[in-house]
Amino acid sequence: MNRNKTPLSEKLLWNVQDCANAMSCHPNTIWNRVRAGNFVQPIKWDGKTVWRRSDVENFVERLAG
């Protein structure tokens, strides 16, 4: 099956690897920060754990202060 890859900037929902790529870290770092309350909480969609791109972008904006 040949699946088209949607660029990260066009995806509305990100998986943990997408978040890690955007934050330049390992997926385990994302999960560790979620558990510590230092990252955006994921949502469940269609049985998968995902993050809203807009939530992650807003999080980064707040970091920039």
Protein backbone atom coordinates (compact mmCIF):
# COMPACT_ATOMS: atom_id res chain seq x y z
CA MET A 1 0.00 0.00 0.00
CA ASN A 2 1.43 3.37 -1.00
CA ARG A 3 0.33 5.91 1.58
CA ASN A 4 0.91 9.60 0.96
CA LYS A 5 2.87 11.29 3.72
CA THR A 6 1.21 14.49 4.87
CA PRO A 7 3.76 17.15 5.88
CA LEU A 8 3.84 17.76 9.61
CA SER A 9 2.81 21.39 9.11
CA GLU A 10 -0.45 20.26 7.46
CA LYS A 11 -1.51 17.60 9.96
CA LEU A 12 -4.14 18.64 12.49
CA LEU A 13 -3.44 15.74 14.84
CA TRP A 14 0.06 14.61 15.77
CA ASN A 15 1.19 11.27 17.16
CA VAL A 16 4.02 11.05 19.69
CA GLN A 17 6.65 10.80 16.94
CA ASP A 18 5.30 13.96 15.28
CA CYS A 19 5.48 15.79 18.62
CA ALA A 20 9.01 14.53 19.21
CA ASN A 21 10.08 15.67 15.74
CA ALA A 22 8.56 19.10 16.28
CA MET A 23 10.20 19.45 19.70
CA SER A 24 13.53 17.93 18.58
CA CYS A 25 13.50 15.25 21.24
CA HIS A 26 12.88 11.54 21.69
CA PRO A 27 9.30 10.24 21.98
CA ASN A 28 10.11 9.03 25.52
CA THR A 29 10.85 12.64 26.45
CA ILE A 30 7.36 13.63 25.32
CA TRP A 31 5.79 10.89 27.47
CA ASN A 32 7.96 11.79 30.47
CA ARG A 33 6.93 15.43 30.20
CA VAL A 34 3.26 14.52 29.80
CA ARG A 35 3.42 12.42 32.99
CA ALA A 36 5.17 15.25 34.84
CA GLY A 37 2.56 17.78 33.65
CA ASN A 38 5.16 19.66 31.60
CA PHE A 39 3.67 19.11 28.18
CA VAL A 40 0.29 19.20 26.48
CA GLN A 41 -2.03 16.37 27.48
CA PRO A 42 -2.95 14.08 24.58
CA ILE A 43 -6.45 13.13 23.53
CA LYS A 44 -7.90 9.85 22.30
CA TRP A 45 -9.18 9.89 18.74
CA ASP A 46 -10.31 6.82 16.86
CA GLY A 47 -8.61 4.62 19.45
CA LYS A 48 -5.26 6.40 19.10
CA THR A 49 -3.43 8.79 21.40
CA VAL A 50 -2.78 12.06 19.59
CA TRP A 51 -2.14 15.74 20.23
CA ARG A 52 -3.88 18.66 18.56
CA ARG A 53 -1.23 20.51 16.56
CA SER A 54 -2.72 23.79 17.72
CA ASP A 55 -2.32 22.76 21.40
CA VAL A 56 1.36 21.99 20.87
CA GLU A 57 1.89 25.23 18.95
CA ASN A 58 0.20 27.22 21.74
CA PHE A 59 2.38 25.45 24.31
CA VAL A 60 5.52 26.49 22.42
CA GLU A 61 4.22 30.06 22.14
CA ARG A 62 3.78 30.20 25.93
CA LEU A 63 7.34 28.92 26.40
CA ALA A 64 8.63 31.79 24.30
CA GLY A 65 6.81 34.12 26.70
